[in-house]
Amino acid sequence: MKTYKQFTHDIKVIEQTNEGLLFAVAIERKLKSALTAVHSTNDIAKKIDILMKTLHFSLGSMAYQLQKSRKFKK
């Protein structure tokens, strides 16, 4: 098990963690804005369209991060 000092000195881990956190924040913000947009409209078709686009963005971002982390481990 690494100490905190060893962890912070490992540049690759820090860069990967920071990038992962940025993607997580982007996904969270996208989901919050989609929720606001869904609440503000009464049109069912528009609600479905907003949700589909948001889920596509979120799942695509998660898949990209997963693929990237698998390449990093090899």
PDB file of N, CA and C in Angstrom:
ATOM      1  N   MET A   1       0.845  -1.181   0.000  1.00  0.00           N
ATOM      2  CA  MET A   1       0.000   0.000   0.000  1.00  0.00           C
ATOM      3  C   MET A   1       0.887   1.240   0.000  1.00  0.00           C
ATOM      4  N   LYS A   2       0.561   2.180  -0.882  1.00  0.00           N
ATOM      5  CA  LYS A   2       1.357   3.403  -0.999  1.00  0.00           C
ATOM      6  C   LYS A   2       0.980   4.400   0.085  1.00  0.00           C
ATOM      7  N   THR A   3       1.961   5.154   0.501  1.00  0.00           N
ATOM      8  CA  THR A   3       1.673   6.266   1.403  1.00  0.00           C
ATOM      9  C   THR A   3       1.148   7.428   0.565  1.00  0.00           C
ATOM     10  N   TYR A   4       0.614   8.419   1.223  1.00  0.00           N
ATOM     11  CA  TYR A   4       0.089   9.582   0.509  1.00  0.00           C
ATOM     12  C   TYR A   4       1.191  10.268  -0.293  1.00  0.00           C
ATOM     13  N   LYS A   5       2.383  10.353   0.278  1.00  0.00           N
ATOM     14  CA  LYS A   5       3.500  11.010  -0.408  1.00  0.00           C
ATOM     15  C   LYS A   5       3.893  10.244  -1.673  1.00  0.00           C
ATOM     16  N   GLN A   6       3.939   8.917  -1.589  1.00  0.00           N
ATOM     17  CA  GLN A   6       4.261   8.116  -2.767  1.00  0.00           C
ATOM     18  C   GLN A   6       3.184   8.279  -3.837  1.00  0.00           C
ATOM     19  N   PHE A   7       1.950   8.328  -3.415  1.00  0.00           N
ATOM     20  CA  PHE A   7       0.848   8.474  -4.359  1.00  0.00           C
ATOM     21  C   PHE A   7       0.921   9.803  -5.093  1.00  0.00           C
ATOM     22  N   THR A   8       1.215  10.876  -4.375  1.00  0.00           N
ATOM     23  CA  THR A   8       1.253  12.188  -5.011  1.00  0.00           C
ATOM     24  C   THR A   8       2.456  12.355  -5.922  1.00  0.00           C
ATOM     25  N   HIS A   9       3.498  11.572  -5.724  1.00  0.00           N
ATOM     26  CA  HIS A   9       4.670  11.675  -6.583  1.00  0.00           C
ATOM     27  C   HIS A   9       4.548  10.825  -7.849  1.00  0.00           C
ATOM     28  N   ASP A  10       3.596   9.976  -7.893  1.00  0.00           N
ATOM     29  CA  ASP A  10       3.409   9.153  -9.087  1.00  0.00           C
ATOM     30  C   ASP A  10       2.608   9.955 -10.114  1.00  0.00           C
ATOM     31  N   ILE A  11       3.305  10.557 -11.047  1.00  0.00           N
ATOM     32  CA  ILE A  11       2.691  11.489 -12.005  1.00  0.00           C
ATOM     33  C   ILE A  11       1.617  10.812 -12.858  1.00  0.00           C
ATOM     34  N   LYS A  12       1.855   9.607 -13.292  1.00  0.00           N
ATOM     35  CA  LYS A  12       0.886   8.941 -14.154  1.00  0.00           C
ATOM     36  C   LYS A  12      -0.436   8.734 -13.439  1.00  0.00           C
ATOM     37  N   VAL A  13      -0.380   8.330 -12.193  1.00  0.00           N
ATOM     38  CA  VAL A  13      -1.610   8.112 -11.430  1.00  0.00           C
ATOM     39  C   VAL A  13      -2.339   9.425 -11.217  1.00  0.00           C
ATOM     40  N   ILE A  14      -1.603  10.471 -10.908  1.00  0.00           N
ATOM     41  CA  ILE A  14      -2.219  11.780 -10.665  1.00  0.00           C
ATOM     42  C   ILE A  14      -2.890  12.294 -11.931  1.00  0.00           C
ATOM     43  N   GLU A  15      -2.208  12.200 -13.067  1.00  0.00           N
ATOM     44  CA  GLU A  15      -2.787  12.692 -14.319  1.00  0.00           C
ATOM     45  C   GLU A  15      -4.041  11.914 -14.676  1.00  0.00           C
ATOM     46  N   GLN A  16      -3.982  10.593 -14.510  1.00  0.00           N
ATOM     47  CA  GLN A  16      -5.141   9.770 -14.828  1.00  0.00           C
ATOM     48  C   GLN A  16      -6.293  10.079 -13.873  1.00  0.00           C
ATOM     49  N   THR A  17      -6.004  10.249 -12.597  1.00  0.00           N
ATOM     50  CA  THR A  17      -7.040  10.572 -11.618  1.00  0.00           C
ATOM     51  C   THR A  17      -7.667  11.924 -11.917  1.00  0.00           C
ATOM     52  N   ASN A  18      -6.849  12.927 -12.207  1.00  0.00           N
ATOM     53  CA  ASN A  18      -7.377  14.261 -12.507  1.00  0.00           C
ATOM     54  C   ASN A  18      -8.261  14.241 -13.739  1.00  0.00           C
ATOM     55  N   GLU A  19      -7.847  13.511 -14.765  1.00  0.00           N
ATOM     56  CA  GLU A  19      -8.644  13.445 -15.984  1.00  0.00           C
ATOM     57  C   GLU A  19      -9.961  12.727 -15.723  1.00  0.00           C
ATOM     58  N   GLY A  20      -9.907  11.664 -14.933  1.00  0.00           N
ATOM     59  CA  GLY A  20     -11.130  10.952 -14.572  1.00  0.00           C
ATOM     60  C   GLY A  20     -12.088  11.821 -13.779  1.00  0.00           C
ATOM     61  N   LEU A  21     -11.541  12.614 -12.869  1.00  0.00           N
ATOM     62  CA  LEU A  21     -12.378  13.520 -12.084  1.00  0.00           C
ATOM     63  C   LEU A  21     -13.018  14.588 -12.963  1.00  0.00           C
ATOM     64  N   LEU A  22     -12.275  15.090 -13.939  1.00  0.00           N
ATOM     65  CA  LEU A  22     -12.838  16.089 -14.852  1.00  0.00           C
ATOM     66  C   LEU A  22     -13.995  15.512 -15.654  1.00  0.00           C
ATOM     67  N   PHE A  23     -13.837  14.267 -16.122  1.00  0.00           N
ATOM     68  CA  PHE A  23     -14.928  13.624 -16.851  1.00  0.00           C
ATOM     69  C   PHE A  23     -16.134  13.415 -15.943  1.00  0.00           C
ATOM     70  N   ALA A  24     -15.892  13.026 -14.700  1.00  0.00           N
ATOM     71  CA  ALA A  24     -17.000  12.820 -13.765  1.00  0.00           C
ATOM     72  C   ALA A  24     -17.750  14.121 -13.508  1.00  0.00           C
ATOM     73  N   VAL A  25     -17.020  15.209 -13.351  1.00  0.00           N
ATOM     74  CA  VAL A  25     -17.658  16.510 -13.133  1.00  0.00           C
ATOM     75  C   VAL A  25     -18.448  16.927 -14.371  1.00  0.00           C
ATOM     76  N   ALA A  26     -17.879  16.692 -15.548  1.00  0.00           N
ATOM     77  CA  ALA A  26     -18.585  17.042 -16.788  1.00  0.00           C
ATOM     78  C   ALA A  26     -19.878  16.242 -16.925  1.00  0.00           C
ATOM     79  N   ILE A  27     -19.825  14.962 -16.596  1.00  0.00           N
ATOM     80  CA  ILE A  27     -21.025  14.125 -16.673  1.00  0.00           C
ATOM     81  C   ILE A  27     -22.069  14.601 -15.673  1.00  0.00           C
ATOM     82  N   GLU A  28     -21.632  14.899 -14.461  1.00  0.00           N
ATOM     83  CA  GLU A  28     -22.564  15.367 -13.433  1.00  0.00           C
ATOM     84  C   GLU A  28     -23.236  16.672 -13.854  1.00  0.00           C
ATOM     85  N   ARG A  29     -22.476  17.596 -14.393  1.00  0.00           N
ATOM     86  CA  ARG A  29     -23.051  18.874 -14.840  1.00  0.00           C
ATOM     87  C   ARG A  29     -24.017  18.675 -15.992  1.00  0.00           C
ATOM     88  N   LYS A  30     -23.667  17.783 -16.911  1.00  0.00           N
ATOM     89  CA  LYS A  30     -24.545  17.498 -18.046  1.00  0.00           C
ATOM     90  C   LYS A  30     -25.867  16.904 -17.557  1.00  0.00           C
ATOM     91  N   LEU A  31     -25.795  15.996 -16.589  1.00  0.00           N
ATOM     92  CA  LEU A  31     -27.015  15.391 -16.061  1.00  0.00           C
ATOM     93  C   LEU A  31     -27.878  16.410 -15.309  1.00  0.00           C
ATOM     94  N   LYS A  32     -27.239  17.304 -14.561  1.00  0.00           N
ATOM     95  CA  LYS A  32     -27.994  18.340 -13.844  1.00  0.00           C
ATOM     96  C   LYS A  32     -28.682  19.290 -14.815  1.00  0.00           C
ATOM     97  N   SER A  33     -27.982  19.681 -15.871  1.00  0.00           N
ATOM     98  CA  SER A  33     -28.597  20.589 -16.843  1.00  0.00           C
ATOM     99  C   SER A  33     -29.721  19.889 -17.603  1.00  0.00           C
ATOM    100  N   ALA A  34     -29.558  18.596 -17.859  1.00  0.00           N
ATOM    101  CA  ALA A  34     -30.616  17.849 -18.534  1.00  0.00           C
ATOM    102  C   ALA A  34     -31.850  17.741 -17.649  1.00  0.00           C
ATOM    103  N   LEU A  35     -31.641  17.528 -16.366  1.00  0.00           N
ATOM    104  CA  LEU A  35     -32.771  17.454 -15.441  1.00  0.00           C
ATOM    105  C   LEU A  35     -33.536  18.773 -15.407  1.00  0.00           C
ATOM    106  N   THR A  36     -32.811  19.871 -15.399  1.00  0.00           N
ATOM    107  CA  THR A  36     -33.446  21.189 -15.425  1.00  0.00           C
ATOM    108  C   THR A  36     -34.227  21.384 -16.721  1.00  0.00           C
ATOM    109  N   ALA A  37     -33.635  20.970 -17.837  1.00  0.00           N
ATOM    110  CA  ALA A  37     -34.305  21.113 -19.131  1.00  0.00           C
ATOM    111  C   ALA A  37     -35.553  20.237 -19.211  1.00  0.00           C
ATOM    112  N   VAL A  38     -35.478  19.040 -18.650  1.00  0.00           N
ATOM    113  CA  VAL A  38     -36.640  18.145 -18.663  1.00  0.00           C
ATOM    114  C   VAL A  38     -37.775  18.727 -17.823  1.00  0.00           C
ATOM    115  N   HIS A  39     -37.437  19.299 -16.675  1.00  0.00           N
ATOM    116  CA  HIS A  39     -38.463  19.901 -15.818  1.00  0.00           C
ATOM    117  C   HIS A  39     -39.085  21.144 -16.452  1.00  0.00           C
ATOM    118  N   SER A  40     -38.357  21.825 -17.306  1.00  0.00           N
ATOM    119  CA  SER A  40     -38.852  23.087 -17.860  1.00  0.00           C
ATOM    120  C   SER A  40     -39.738  22.915 -19.088  1.00  0.00           C
ATOM    121  N   THR A  41     -39.838  21.724 -19.629  1.00  0.00           N
ATOM    122  CA  THR A  41     -40.658  21.530 -20.821  1.00  0.00           C
ATOM    123  C   THR A  41     -41.811  20.567 -20.531  1.00  0.00           C
ATOM    124  N   ASN A  42     -42.885  20.742 -21.276  1.00  0.00           N
ATOM    125  CA  ASN A  42     -44.044  19.858 -21.142  1.00  0.00           C
ATOM    126  C   ASN A  42     -44.151  18.882 -22.304  1.00  0.00           C
ATOM    127  N   ASP A  43     -43.367  19.084 -23.340  1.00  0.00           N
ATOM    128  CA  ASP A  43     -43.411  18.243 -24.528  1.00  0.00           C
ATOM    129  C   ASP A  43     -42.683  16.924 -24.259  1.00  0.00           C
ATOM    130  N   ILE A  44     -43.410  15.816 -24.365  1.00  0.00           N
ATOM    131  CA  ILE A  44     -42.843  14.498 -24.071  1.00  0.00           C
ATOM    132  C   ILE A  44     -41.729  14.152 -25.054  1.00  0.00           C
ATOM    133  N   ALA A  45     -41.920  14.460 -26.330  1.00  0.00           N
ATOM    134  CA  ALA A  45     -40.897  14.148 -27.332  1.00  0.00           C
ATOM    135  C   ALA A  45     -39.598  14.898 -27.040  1.00  0.00           C
ATOM    136  N   LYS A  46     -39.731  16.135 -26.617  1.00  0.00           N
ATOM    137  CA  LYS A  46     -38.543  16.931 -26.288  1.00  0.00           C
ATOM    138  C   LYS A  46     -37.842  16.373 -25.050  1.00  0.00           C
ATOM    139  N   LYS A  47     -38.630  15.923 -24.060  1.00  0.00           N
ATOM    140  CA  LYS A  47     -38.052  15.316 -22.863  1.00  0.00           C
ATOM    141  C   LYS A  47     -37.257  14.061 -23.215  1.00  0.00           C
ATOM    142  N   ILE A  48     -37.829  13.229 -24.063  1.00  0.00           N
ATOM    143  CA  ILE A  48     -37.145  11.999 -24.477  1.00  0.00           C
ATOM    144  C   ILE A  48     -35.875  12.329 -25.236  1.00  0.00           C
ATOM    145  N   ASP A  49     -35.940  13.318 -26.118  1.00  0.00           N
ATOM    146  CA  ASP A  49     -34.761  13.728 -26.879  1.00  0.00           C
ATOM    147  C   ASP A  49     -33.645  14.227 -25.961  1.00  0.00           C
ATOM    148  N   ILE A  50     -33.997  15.032 -24.978  1.00  0.00           N
ATOM    149  CA  ILE A  50     -33.003  15.546 -24.022  1.00  0.00           C
ATOM    150  C   ILE A  50     -32.365  14.394 -23.256  1.00  0.00           C
ATOM    151  N   LEU A  51     -33.194  13.469 -22.784  1.00  0.00           N
ATOM    152  CA  LEU A  51     -32.671  12.334 -22.016  1.00  0.00           C
ATOM    153  C   LEU A  51     -31.776  11.431 -22.866  1.00  0.00           C
ATOM    154  N   MET A  52     -32.172  11.194 -24.124  1.00  0.00           N
ATOM    155  CA  MET A  52     -31.347  10.353 -25.005  1.00  0.00           C
ATOM    156  C   MET A  52     -29.986  10.982 -25.254  1.00  0.00           C
ATOM    157  N   LYS A  53     -29.961  12.271 -25.545  1.00  0.00           N
ATOM    158  CA  LYS A  53     -28.689  12.954 -25.796  1.00  0.00           C
ATOM    159  C   LYS A  53     -27.808  12.950 -24.553  1.00  0.00           C
ATOM    160  N   THR A  54     -28.411  13.146 -23.396  1.00  0.00           N
ATOM    161  CA  THR A  54     -27.647  13.172 -22.156  1.00  0.00           C
ATOM    162  C   THR A  54     -27.074  11.803 -21.832  1.00  0.00           C
ATOM    163  N   LEU A  55     -27.886  10.776 -21.968  1.00  0.00           N
ATOM    164  CA  LEU A  55     -27.393   9.424 -21.700  1.00  0.00           C
ATOM    165  C   LEU A  55     -26.307   9.027 -22.688  1.00  0.00           C
ATOM    166  N   HIS A  56     -26.460   9.428 -23.944  1.00  0.00           N
ATOM    167  CA  HIS A  56     -25.440   9.129 -24.947  1.00  0.00           C
ATOM    168  C   HIS A  56     -24.116   9.773 -24.563  1.00  0.00           C
ATOM    169  N   PHE A  57     -24.152  11.029 -24.146  1.00  0.00           N
ATOM    170  CA  PHE A  57     -22.942  11.729 -23.720  1.00  0.00           C
ATOM    171  C   PHE A  57     -22.327  11.052 -22.501  1.00  0.00           C
ATOM    172  N   SER A  58     -23.152  10.739 -21.512  1.00  0.00           N
ATOM    173  CA  SER A  58     -22.654  10.165 -20.262  1.00  0.00           C
ATOM    174  C   SER A  58     -22.059   8.781 -20.479  1.00  0.00           C
ATOM    175  N   LEU A  59     -22.771   7.933 -21.189  1.00  0.00           N
ATOM    176  CA  LEU A  59     -22.268   6.578 -21.430  1.00  0.00           C
ATOM    177  C   LEU A  59     -21.034   6.598 -22.323  1.00  0.00           C
ATOM    178  N   GLY A  60     -21.019   7.487 -23.302  1.00  0.00           N
ATOM    179  CA  GLY A  60     -19.843   7.610 -24.161  1.00  0.00           C
ATOM    180  C   GLY A  60     -18.618   8.045 -23.386  1.00  0.00           C
ATOM    181  N   SER A  61     -18.795   8.976 -22.477  1.00  0.00           N
ATOM    182  CA  SER A  61     -17.675   9.447 -21.657  1.00  0.00           C
ATOM    183  C   SER A  61     -17.161   8.356 -20.734  1.00  0.00           C
ATOM    184  N   MET A  62     -18.082   7.610 -20.135  1.00  0.00           N
ATOM    185  CA  MET A  62     -17.659   6.524 -19.247  1.00  0.00           C
ATOM    186  C   MET A  62     -16.945   5.421 -20.021  1.00  0.00           C
ATOM    187  N   ALA A  63     -17.454   5.088 -21.204  1.00  0.00           N
ATOM    188  CA  ALA A  63     -16.816   4.059 -22.021  1.00  0.00           C
ATOM    189  C   ALA A  63     -15.424   4.499 -22.462  1.00  0.00           C
ATOM    190  N   TYR A  64     -15.288   5.759 -22.807  1.00  0.00           N
ATOM    191  CA  TYR A  64     -13.979   6.290 -23.196  1.00  0.00           C
ATOM    192  C   TYR A  64     -12.984   6.178 -22.047  1.00  0.00           C
ATOM    193  N   GLN A  65     -13.406   6.543 -20.842  1.00  0.00           N
ATOM    194  CA  GLN A  65     -12.518   6.459 -19.679  1.00  0.00           C
ATOM    195  C   GLN A  65     -12.152   5.018 -19.365  1.00  0.00           C
ATOM    196  N   LEU A  66     -13.110   4.107 -19.484  1.00  0.00           N
ATOM    197  CA  LEU A  66     -12.836   2.695 -19.228  1.00  0.00           C
ATOM    198  C   LEU A  66     -11.833   2.151 -20.232  1.00  0.00           C
ATOM    199  N   GLN A  67     -12.035   2.468 -21.505  1.00  0.00           N
ATOM    200  CA  GLN A  67     -11.110   2.012 -22.544  1.00  0.00           C
ATOM    201  C   GLN A  67      -9.720   2.594 -22.321  1.00  0.00           C
ATOM    202  N   LYS A  68      -9.658   3.853 -21.948  1.00  0.00           N
ATOM    203  CA  LYS A  68      -8.380   4.513 -21.715  1.00  0.00           C
ATOM    204  C   LYS A  68      -7.653   3.898 -20.521  1.00  0.00           C
ATOM    205  N   SER A  69      -8.396   3.579 -19.456  1.00  0.00           N
ATOM    206  CA  SER A  69      -7.760   2.982 -18.277  1.00  0.00           C
ATOM    207  C   SER A  69      -7.272   1.574 -18.575  1.00  0.00           C
ATOM    208  N   ARG A  70      -7.954   0.849 -19.436  1.00  0.00           N
ATOM    209  CA  ARG A  70      -7.493  -0.496 -19.812  1.00  0.00           C
ATOM    210  C   ARG A  70      -6.198  -0.421 -20.611  1.00  0.00           C
ATOM    211  N   LYS A  71      -6.095   0.564 -21.499  1.00  0.00           N
ATOM    212  CA  LYS A  71      -4.863   0.732 -22.270  1.00  0.00           C
ATOM    213  C   LYS A  71      -3.712   1.124 -21.361  1.00  0.00           C
ATOM    214  N   PHE A  72      -4.009   1.920 -20.333  1.00  0.00           N
ATOM    215  CA  PHE A  72      -2.983   2.398 -19.410  1.00  0.00           C
ATOM    216  C   PHE A  72      -2.419   1.251 -18.578  1.00  0.00           C
ATOM    217  N   LYS A  73      -3.254   0.265 -18.230  1.00  0.00           N
ATOM    218  CA  LYS A  73      -2.816  -0.847 -17.387  1.00  0.00           C
ATOM    219  C   LYS A  73      -1.901  -1.809 -18.130  1.00  0.00           C
ATOM    220  N   LYS A  74      -2.014  -1.889 -19.456  1.00  0.00           N
ATOM    221  CA  LYS A  74      -1.209  -2.847 -20.231  1.00  0.00           C
ATOM    222  C   LYS A  74       0.197  -2.448 -20.356  1.00  0.00           C
TER     223      LYS A  74
END
